[in-house]
């Protein structure tokens, strides 16, 4: 599987990876994610990782360490880049 265009929603990419690991798949599956440093793709991947961490914490019923995700990081997920720079 090769990702050359990541989605803002991490579950979309996860679903694509899961499709490759379908029932009956007998061969090893390798996933590649192509990202150029300093591009919007790098920012999308960072946001997707943060969103995945929030999803994991919510699903686990809040059993997480307080330093896992700082309040400022949560707020940054809700704002766009211009709003973050204005603060």
PDB file of N, CA and C in Angstrom:
ATOM      1  N   UNK A   1       0.856  -1.163   0.000  1.00  0.00           N
ATOM      2  CA  UNK A   1       0.000   0.000   0.000  1.00  0.00           C
ATOM      3  C   UNK A   1       0.901   1.225   0.000  1.00  0.00           C
ATOM      4  N   UNK A   2       0.626   2.173  -0.870  1.00  0.00           N
ATOM      5  CA  UNK A   2       1.400   3.406  -0.921  1.00  0.00           C
ATOM      6  C   UNK A   2       0.450   4.580  -0.745  1.00  0.00           C
ATOM      7  N   UNK A   3       0.695   5.361   0.293  1.00  0.00           N
ATOM      8  CA  UNK A   3      -0.070   6.581   0.512  1.00  0.00           C
ATOM      9  C   UNK A   3       0.747   7.748  -0.032  1.00  0.00           C
ATOM     10  N   UNK A   4       0.238   8.410  -1.029  1.00  0.00           N
ATOM     11  CA  UNK A   4       0.898   9.602  -1.542  1.00  0.00           C
ATOM     12  C   UNK A   4       0.066  10.841  -1.255  1.00  0.00           C
ATOM     13  N   UNK A   5      -1.148  10.635  -0.703  1.00  0.00           N
ATOM     14  CA  UNK A   5      -2.040  11.737  -0.364  1.00  0.00           C
ATOM     15  C   UNK A   5      -2.784  11.349   0.907  1.00  0.00           C
ATOM     16  N   UNK A   6      -2.381  11.894   2.035  1.00  0.00           N
ATOM     17  CA  UNK A   6      -2.998  11.544   3.312  1.00  0.00           C
ATOM     18  C   UNK A   6      -4.299  12.306   3.508  1.00  0.00           C
ATOM     19  N   UNK A   7      -5.171  11.727   4.317  1.00  0.00           N
ATOM     20  CA  UNK A   7      -6.453  12.353   4.627  1.00  0.00           C
ATOM     21  C   UNK A   7      -6.359  13.033   5.984  1.00  0.00           C
ATOM     22  N   UNK A   8      -7.132  14.117   6.173  1.00  0.00           N
ATOM     23  CA  UNK A   8      -7.173  14.794   7.474  1.00  0.00           C
ATOM     24  C   UNK A   8      -7.772  13.889   8.534  1.00  0.00           C
ATOM     25  N   UNK A   9      -8.609  12.948   8.085  1.00  0.00           N
ATOM     26  CA  UNK A   9      -9.248  12.010   9.001  1.00  0.00           C
ATOM     27  C   UNK A   9      -8.410  10.728   9.030  1.00  0.00           C
ATOM     28  N   UNK A  10      -7.765  10.436  10.144  1.00  0.00           N
ATOM     29  CA  UNK A  10      -6.874   9.273  10.191  1.00  0.00           C
ATOM     30  C   UNK A  10      -7.588   7.939  10.002  1.00  0.00           C
ATOM     31  N   UNK A  11      -8.882   7.883  10.274  1.00  0.00           N
ATOM     32  CA  UNK A  11      -9.597   6.619  10.111  1.00  0.00           C
ATOM     33  C   UNK A  11      -9.745   6.240   8.638  1.00  0.00           C
ATOM     34  N   UNK A  12      -9.710   7.224   7.745  1.00  0.00           N
ATOM     35  CA  UNK A  12      -9.790   6.924   6.308  1.00  0.00           C
ATOM     36  C   UNK A  12      -8.537   6.167   5.869  1.00  0.00           C
ATOM     37  N   UNK A  13      -7.372   6.650   6.286  1.00  0.00           N
ATOM     38  CA  UNK A  13      -6.125   5.954   5.949  1.00  0.00           C
ATOM     39  C   UNK A  13      -6.066   4.584   6.617  1.00  0.00           C
ATOM     40  N   UNK A  14      -6.518   4.507   7.852  1.00  0.00           N
ATOM     41  CA  UNK A  14      -6.519   3.229   8.572  1.00  0.00           C
ATOM     42  C   UNK A  14      -7.404   2.213   7.854  1.00  0.00           C
ATOM     43  N   UNK A  15      -8.561   2.670   7.376  1.00  0.00           N
ATOM     44  CA  UNK A  15      -9.465   1.773   6.662  1.00  0.00           C
ATOM     45  C   UNK A  15      -8.806   1.259   5.377  1.00  0.00           C
ATOM     46  N   UNK A  16      -8.082   2.119   4.688  1.00  0.00           N
ATOM     47  CA  UNK A  16      -7.386   1.695   3.467  1.00  0.00           C
ATOM     48  C   UNK A  16      -6.336   0.633   3.781  1.00  0.00           C
ATOM     49  N   UNK A  17      -5.606   0.816   4.884  1.00  0.00           N
ATOM     50  CA  UNK A  17      -4.618  -0.194   5.286  1.00  0.00           C
ATOM     51  C   UNK A  17      -5.310  -1.502   5.666  1.00  0.00           C
ATOM     52  N   UNK A  18      -6.425  -1.401   6.373  1.00  0.00           N
ATOM     53  CA  UNK A  18      -7.150  -2.600   6.787  1.00  0.00           C
ATOM     54  C   UNK A  18      -7.672  -3.389   5.595  1.00  0.00           C
ATOM     55  N   UNK A  19      -8.046  -2.696   4.522  1.00  0.00           N
ATOM     56  CA  UNK A  19      -8.521  -3.395   3.325  1.00  0.00           C
ATOM     57  C   UNK A  19      -7.427  -4.281   2.733  1.00  0.00           C
ATOM     58  N   UNK A  20      -6.190  -3.845   2.818  1.00  0.00           N
ATOM     59  CA  UNK A  20      -5.077  -4.644   2.295  1.00  0.00           C
ATOM     60  C   UNK A  20      -4.846  -5.890   3.140  1.00  0.00           C
ATOM     61  N   UNK A  21      -5.233  -5.839   4.405  1.00  0.00           N
ATOM     62  CA  UNK A  21      -5.085  -6.983   5.310  1.00  0.00           C
ATOM     63  C   UNK A  21      -6.375  -7.798   5.376  1.00  0.00           C
ATOM     64  N   UNK A  22      -7.072  -7.894   4.273  1.00  0.00           N
ATOM     65  CA  UNK A  22      -8.372  -8.568   4.239  1.00  0.00           C
ATOM     66  C   UNK A  22      -8.243 -10.064   4.516  1.00  0.00           C
ATOM     67  N   UNK A  23      -9.385 -10.666   4.801  1.00  0.00           N
ATOM     68  CA  UNK A  23      -9.421 -12.117   5.000  1.00  0.00           C
ATOM     69  C   UNK A  23      -8.931 -12.814   3.741  1.00  0.00           C
ATOM     70  N   UNK A  24      -8.156 -13.823   3.906  1.00  0.00           N
ATOM     71  CA  UNK A  24      -7.633 -14.567   2.768  1.00  0.00           C
ATOM     72  C   UNK A  24      -6.297 -14.043   2.265  1.00  0.00           C
ATOM     73  N   UNK A  25      -5.857 -12.915   2.759  1.00  0.00           N
ATOM     74  CA  UNK A  25      -4.562 -12.357   2.351  1.00  0.00           C
ATOM     75  C   UNK A  25      -3.455 -13.232   2.938  1.00  0.00           C
ATOM     76  N   UNK A  26      -2.664 -13.818   2.070  1.00  0.00           N
ATOM     77  CA  UNK A  26      -1.615 -14.726   2.531  1.00  0.00           C
ATOM     78  C   UNK A  26      -0.221 -14.104   2.447  1.00  0.00           C
ATOM     79  N   UNK A  27      -0.101 -13.007   1.714  1.00  0.00           N
ATOM     80  CA  UNK A  27       1.204 -12.367   1.565  1.00  0.00           C
ATOM     81  C   UNK A  27       1.355 -11.213   2.554  1.00  0.00           C
ATOM     82  N   UNK A  28       2.598 -10.918   2.883  1.00  0.00           N
ATOM     83  CA  UNK A  28       2.889  -9.800   3.777  1.00  0.00           C
ATOM     84  C   UNK A  28       2.506  -8.488   3.095  1.00  0.00           C
ATOM     85  N   UNK A  29       1.929  -7.582   3.861  1.00  0.00           N
ATOM     86  CA  UNK A  29       1.541  -6.274   3.345  1.00  0.00           C
ATOM     87  C   UNK A  29       2.489  -5.227   3.922  1.00  0.00           C
ATOM     88  N   UNK A  30       3.031  -4.397   3.057  1.00  0.00           N
ATOM     89  CA  UNK A  30       3.902  -3.306   3.484  1.00  0.00           C
ATOM     90  C   UNK A  30       3.219  -1.993   3.137  1.00  0.00           C
ATOM     91  N   UNK A  31       3.247  -1.055   4.069  1.00  0.00           N
ATOM     92  CA  UNK A  31       2.609   0.241   3.863  1.00  0.00           C
ATOM     93  C   UNK A  31       3.692   1.312   3.793  1.00  0.00           C
ATOM     94  N   UNK A  32       3.650   2.122   2.730  1.00  0.00           N
ATOM     95  CA  UNK A  32       4.564   3.247   2.562  1.00  0.00           C
ATOM     96  C   UNK A  32       3.751   4.534   2.578  1.00  0.00           C
ATOM     97  N   UNK A  33       4.280   5.557   3.207  1.00  0.00           N
ATOM     98  CA  UNK A  33       3.632   6.870   3.227  1.00  0.00           C
ATOM     99  C   UNK A  33       4.654   7.872   2.697  1.00  0.00           C
ATOM    100  N   UNK A  34       4.364   8.472   1.541  1.00  0.00           N
ATOM    101  CA  UNK A  34       5.282   9.413   0.907  1.00  0.00           C
ATOM    102  C   UNK A  34       4.963  10.832   1.370  1.00  0.00           C
ATOM    103  N   UNK A  35       5.944  11.469   2.002  1.00  0.00           N
ATOM    104  CA  UNK A  35       5.754  12.824   2.521  1.00  0.00           C
ATOM    105  C   UNK A  35       7.034  13.618   2.277  1.00  0.00           C
ATOM    106  N   UNK A  36       6.886  14.820   1.766  1.00  0.00           N
ATOM    107  CA  UNK A  36       8.033  15.714   1.602  1.00  0.00           C
ATOM    108  C   UNK A  36       8.115  16.643   2.803  1.00  0.00           C
ATOM    109  N   UNK A  37       9.297  16.805   3.320  1.00  0.00           N
ATOM    110  CA  UNK A  37       9.514  17.653   4.495  1.00  0.00           C
ATOM    111  C   UNK A  37       9.145  19.107   4.175  1.00  0.00           C
ATOM    112  N   UNK A  38       8.464  19.733   5.135  1.00  0.00           N
ATOM    113  CA  UNK A  38       8.102  21.140   4.989  1.00  0.00           C
ATOM    114  C   UNK A  38       6.884  21.402   4.124  1.00  0.00           C
ATOM    115  N   UNK A  39       6.091  20.367   3.843  1.00  0.00           N
ATOM    116  CA  UNK A  39       4.893  20.539   3.016  1.00  0.00           C
ATOM    117  C   UNK A  39       3.637  20.385   3.864  1.00  0.00           C
ATOM    118  N   UNK A  40       2.500  20.666   3.250  1.00  0.00           N
ATOM    119  CA  UNK A  40       1.223  20.505   3.943  1.00  0.00           C
ATOM    120  C   UNK A  40       1.000  19.044   4.321  1.00  0.00           C
ATOM    121  N   UNK A  41       1.538  18.132   3.541  1.00  0.00           N
ATOM    122  CA  UNK A  41       1.391  16.710   3.859  1.00  0.00           C
ATOM    123  C   UNK A  41       1.999  16.379   5.221  1.00  0.00           C
ATOM    124  N   UNK A  42       3.105  17.012   5.544  1.00  0.00           N
ATOM    125  CA  UNK A  42       3.735  16.796   6.840  1.00  0.00           C
ATOM    126  C   UNK A  42       2.803  17.277   7.957  1.00  0.00           C
ATOM    127  N   UNK A  43       2.166  18.416   7.740  1.00  0.00           N
ATOM    128  CA  UNK A  43       1.224  18.972   8.728  1.00  0.00           C
ATOM    129  C   UNK A  43      -0.012  18.082   8.857  1.00  0.00           C
ATOM    130  N   UNK A  44      -0.517  17.586   7.737  1.00  0.00           N
ATOM    131  CA  UNK A  44      -1.684  16.699   7.762  1.00  0.00           C
ATOM    132  C   UNK A  44      -1.362  15.445   8.565  1.00  0.00           C
ATOM    133  N   UNK A  45      -0.195  14.870   8.344  1.00  0.00           N
ATOM    134  CA  UNK A  45       0.194  13.663   9.074  1.00  0.00           C
ATOM    135  C   UNK A  45       0.286  13.937  10.574  1.00  0.00           C
ATOM    136  N   UNK A  46       0.859  15.076  10.951  1.00  0.00           N
ATOM    137  CA  UNK A  46       0.958  15.425  12.368  1.00  0.00           C
ATOM    138  C   UNK A  46      -0.431  15.564  12.986  1.00  0.00           C
ATOM    139  N   UNK A  47      -1.333  16.247  12.298  1.00  0.00           N
ATOM    140  CA  UNK A  47      -2.700  16.408  12.806  1.00  0.00           C
ATOM    141  C   UNK A  47      -3.401  15.055  12.900  1.00  0.00           C
ATOM    142  N   UNK A  48      -3.202  14.210  11.913  1.00  0.00           N
ATOM    143  CA  UNK A  48      -3.837  12.889  11.928  1.00  0.00           C
ATOM    144  C   UNK A  48      -3.342  12.066  13.109  1.00  0.00           C
ATOM    145  N   UNK A  49      -2.058  12.147  13.410  1.00  0.00           N
ATOM    146  CA  UNK A  49      -1.519  11.422  14.572  1.00  0.00           C
ATOM    147  C   UNK A  49      -2.131  11.944  15.868  1.00  0.00           C
ATOM    148  N   UNK A  50      -2.280  13.265  15.973  1.00  0.00           N
ATOM    149  CA  UNK A  50      -2.882  13.856  17.170  1.00  0.00           C
ATOM    150  C   UNK A  50      -4.342  13.424  17.307  1.00  0.00           C
ATOM    151  N   UNK A  51      -5.066  13.426  16.194  1.00  0.00           N
ATOM    152  CA  UNK A  51      -6.465  12.996  16.219  1.00  0.00           C
ATOM    153  C   UNK A  51      -6.576  11.525  16.612  1.00  0.00           C
ATOM    154  N   UNK A  52      -5.674  10.702  16.102  1.00  0.00           N
ATOM    155  CA  UNK A  52      -5.690   9.279  16.461  1.00  0.00           C
ATOM    156  C   UNK A  52      -5.468   9.091  17.952  1.00  0.00           C
ATOM    157  N   UNK A  53      -4.586   9.897  18.518  1.00  0.00           N
ATOM    158  CA  UNK A  53      -4.311   9.813  19.955  1.00  0.00           C
ATOM    159  C   UNK A  53      -5.551  10.215  20.757  1.00  0.00           C
ATOM    160  N   UNK A  54      -6.241  11.242  20.315  1.00  0.00           N
ATOM    161  CA  UNK A  54      -7.476  11.654  20.997  1.00  0.00           C
ATOM    162  C   UNK A  54      -8.522  10.552  20.892  1.00  0.00           C
ATOM    163  N   UNK A  55      -8.673   9.960  19.709  1.00  0.00           N
ATOM    164  CA  UNK A  55      -9.626   8.857  19.539  1.00  0.00           C
ATOM    165  C   UNK A  55      -9.288   7.711  20.481  1.00  0.00           C
ATOM    166  N   UNK A  56      -8.008   7.381  20.578  1.00  0.00           N
ATOM    167  CA  UNK A  56      -7.593   6.288  21.455  1.00  0.00           C
ATOM    168  C   UNK A  56      -7.951   6.597  22.905  1.00  0.00           C
ATOM    169  N   UNK A  57      -7.725   7.833  23.327  1.00  0.00           N
ATOM    170  CA  UNK A  57      -8.030   8.208  24.705  1.00  0.00           C
ATOM    171  C   UNK A  57      -9.530   8.152  24.982  1.00  0.00           C
ATOM    172  N   UNK A  58     -10.332   8.610  24.030  1.00  0.00           N
ATOM    173  CA  UNK A  58     -11.787   8.592  24.212  1.00  0.00           C
ATOM    174  C   UNK A  58     -12.294   7.154  24.279  1.00  0.00           C
ATOM    175  N   UNK A  59     -11.826   6.321  23.376  1.00  0.00           N
ATOM    176  CA  UNK A  59     -12.269   4.927  23.336  1.00  0.00           C
ATOM    177  C   UNK A  59     -11.829   4.169  24.579  1.00  0.00           C
ATOM    178  N   UNK A  60     -10.653   4.516  25.120  1.00  0.00           N
ATOM    179  CA  UNK A  60     -10.169   3.815  26.310  1.00  0.00           C
ATOM    180  C   UNK A  60     -10.835   4.327  27.585  1.00  0.00           C
ATOM    181  N   UNK A  61     -11.816   5.194  27.446  1.00  0.00           N
ATOM    182  CA  UNK A  61     -12.559   5.674  28.608  1.00  0.00           C
ATOM    183  C   UNK A  61     -11.806   6.694  29.431  1.00  0.00           C
ATOM    184  N   UNK A  62     -10.876   7.388  28.807  1.00  0.00           N
ATOM    185  CA  UNK A  62     -10.148   8.429  29.518  1.00  0.00           C
ATOM    186  C   UNK A  62      -8.981   7.925  30.338  1.00  0.00           C
ATOM    187  N   UNK A  63      -8.625   6.667  30.196  1.00  0.00           N
ATOM    188  CA  UNK A  63      -7.474   6.132  30.941  1.00  0.00           C
ATOM    189  C   UNK A  63      -6.184   6.530  30.241  1.00  0.00           C
ATOM    190  N   UNK A  64      -5.725   7.734  30.532  1.00  0.00           N
ATOM    191  CA  UNK A  64      -4.502   8.222  29.914  1.00  0.00           C
ATOM    192  C   UNK A  64      -3.751   9.101  30.895  1.00  0.00           C
ATOM    193  N   UNK A  65      -2.481   9.280  30.606  1.00  0.00           N
ATOM    194  CA  UNK A  65      -1.638  10.118  31.456  1.00  0.00           C
ATOM    195  C   UNK A  65      -1.927  11.586  31.133  1.00  0.00           C
ATOM    196  N   UNK A  66      -1.938  12.449  32.139  1.00  0.00           N
ATOM    197  CA  UNK A  66      -2.228  13.865  31.902  1.00  0.00           C
ATOM    198  C   UNK A  66      -1.269  14.536  30.928  1.00  0.00           C
ATOM    199  N   UNK A  67      -0.048  14.054  30.830  1.00  0.00           N
ATOM    200  CA  UNK A  67       0.918  14.693  29.940  1.00  0.00           C
ATOM    201  C   UNK A  67       0.892  14.129  28.521  1.00  0.00           C
ATOM    202  N   UNK A  68      -0.062  13.250  28.230  1.00  0.00           N
ATOM    203  CA  UNK A  68      -0.142  12.662  26.898  1.00  0.00           C
ATOM    204  C   UNK A  68      -0.413  13.720  25.840  1.00  0.00           C
ATOM    205  N   UNK A  69      -1.398  14.559  26.076  1.00  0.00           N
ATOM    206  CA  UNK A  69      -1.757  15.607  25.137  1.00  0.00           C
ATOM    207  C   UNK A  69      -2.048  16.863  25.939  1.00  0.00           C
ATOM    208  N   UNK A  70      -1.273  17.881  25.715  1.00  0.00           N
ATOM    209  CA  UNK A  70      -1.413  19.119  26.478  1.00  0.00           C
ATOM    210  C   UNK A  70      -2.614  19.925  25.970  1.00  0.00           C
ATOM    211  N   UNK A  71      -3.253  20.722  26.837  1.00  0.00           N
ATOM    212  CA  UNK A  71      -4.417  21.518  26.417  1.00  0.00           C
ATOM    213  C   UNK A  71      -4.145  22.379  25.187  1.00  0.00           C
ATOM    214  N   UNK A  72      -2.956  22.956  25.099  1.00  0.00           N
ATOM    215  CA  UNK A  72      -2.608  23.784  23.940  1.00  0.00           C
ATOM    216  C   UNK A  72      -2.632  22.960  22.649  1.00  0.00           C
ATOM    217  N   UNK A  73      -2.213  21.701  22.731  1.00  0.00           N
ATOM    218  CA  UNK A  73      -2.219  20.826  21.556  1.00  0.00           C
ATOM    219  C   UNK A  73      -3.642  20.486  21.138  1.00  0.00           C
ATOM    220  N   UNK A  74      -4.527  20.282  22.110  1.00  0.00           N
ATOM    221  CA  UNK A  74      -5.929  20.000  21.795  1.00  0.00           C
ATOM    222  C   UNK A  74      -6.550  21.205  21.107  1.00  0.00           C
ATOM    223  N   UNK A  75      -6.282  22.400  21.622  1.00  0.00           N
ATOM    224  CA  UNK A  75      -6.818  23.624  21.015  1.00  0.00           C
ATOM    225  C   UNK A  75      -6.307  23.775  19.587  1.00  0.00           C
ATOM    226  N   UNK A  76      -5.053  23.440  19.340  1.00  0.00           N
ATOM    227  CA  UNK A  76      -4.494  23.578  17.993  1.00  0.00           C
ATOM    228  C   UNK A  76      -5.192  22.672  16.984  1.00  0.00           C
ATOM    229  N   UNK A  77      -5.781  21.581  17.453  1.00  0.00           N
ATOM    230  CA  UNK A  77      -6.531  20.703  16.554  1.00  0.00           C
ATOM    231  C   UNK A  77      -7.823  21.357  16.089  1.00  0.00           C
ATOM    232  N   UNK A  78      -8.331  22.279  16.895  1.00  0.00           N
ATOM    233  CA  UNK A  78      -9.603  22.919  16.590  1.00  0.00           C
ATOM    234  C   UNK A  78      -9.452  24.196  15.775  1.00  0.00           C
ATOM    235  N   UNK A  79      -8.250  24.718  15.683  1.00  0.00           N
ATOM    236  CA  UNK A  79      -8.000  25.966  14.975  1.00  0.00           C
ATOM    237  C   UNK A  79      -7.287  25.697  13.657  1.00  0.00           C
ATOM    238  N   UNK A  80      -7.469  26.616  12.696  1.00  0.00           N
ATOM    239  CA  UNK A  80      -6.680  26.484  11.477  1.00  0.00           C
ATOM    240  C   UNK A  80      -5.359  27.229  11.666  1.00  0.00           C
ATOM    241  N   UNK A  81      -4.476  27.135  10.694  1.00  0.00           N
ATOM    242  CA  UNK A  81      -3.125  27.679  10.833  1.00  0.00           C
ATOM    243  C   UNK A  81      -3.112  29.184  11.103  1.00  0.00           C
ATOM    244  N   UNK A  82      -3.995  29.944  10.432  1.00  0.00           N
ATOM    245  CA  UNK A  82      -4.018  31.393  10.622  1.00  0.00           C
ATOM    246  C   UNK A  82      -4.409  31.756  12.048  1.00  0.00           C
ATOM    247  N   UNK A  83      -5.368  31.032  12.611  1.00  0.00           N
ATOM    248  CA  UNK A  83      -5.798  31.310  13.978  1.00  0.00           C
ATOM    249  C   UNK A  83      -4.695  30.977  14.982  1.00  0.00           C
ATOM    250  N   UNK A  84      -3.944  29.930  14.712  1.00  0.00           N
ATOM    251  CA  UNK A  84      -2.843  29.548  15.601  1.00  0.00           C
ATOM    252  C   UNK A  84      -1.751  30.615  15.565  1.00  0.00           C
ATOM    253  N   UNK A  85      -1.414  31.097  14.357  1.00  0.00           N
ATOM    254  CA  UNK A  85      -0.361  32.103  14.214  1.00  0.00           C
ATOM    255  C   UNK A  85      -0.763  33.432  14.840  1.00  0.00           C
ATOM    256  N   UNK A  86      -2.067  33.741  14.868  1.00  0.00           N
ATOM    257  CA  UNK A  86      -2.552  35.005  15.421  1.00  0.00           C
ATOM    258  C   UNK A  86      -2.436  35.039  16.936  1.00  0.00           C
ATOM    259  N   UNK A  87      -2.358  33.876  17.573  1.00  0.00           N
ATOM    260  CA  UNK A  87      -2.294  33.825  19.040  1.00  0.00           C
ATOM    261  C   UNK A  87      -0.922  34.081  19.561  1.00  0.00           C
TER     262      UNK A  87
END
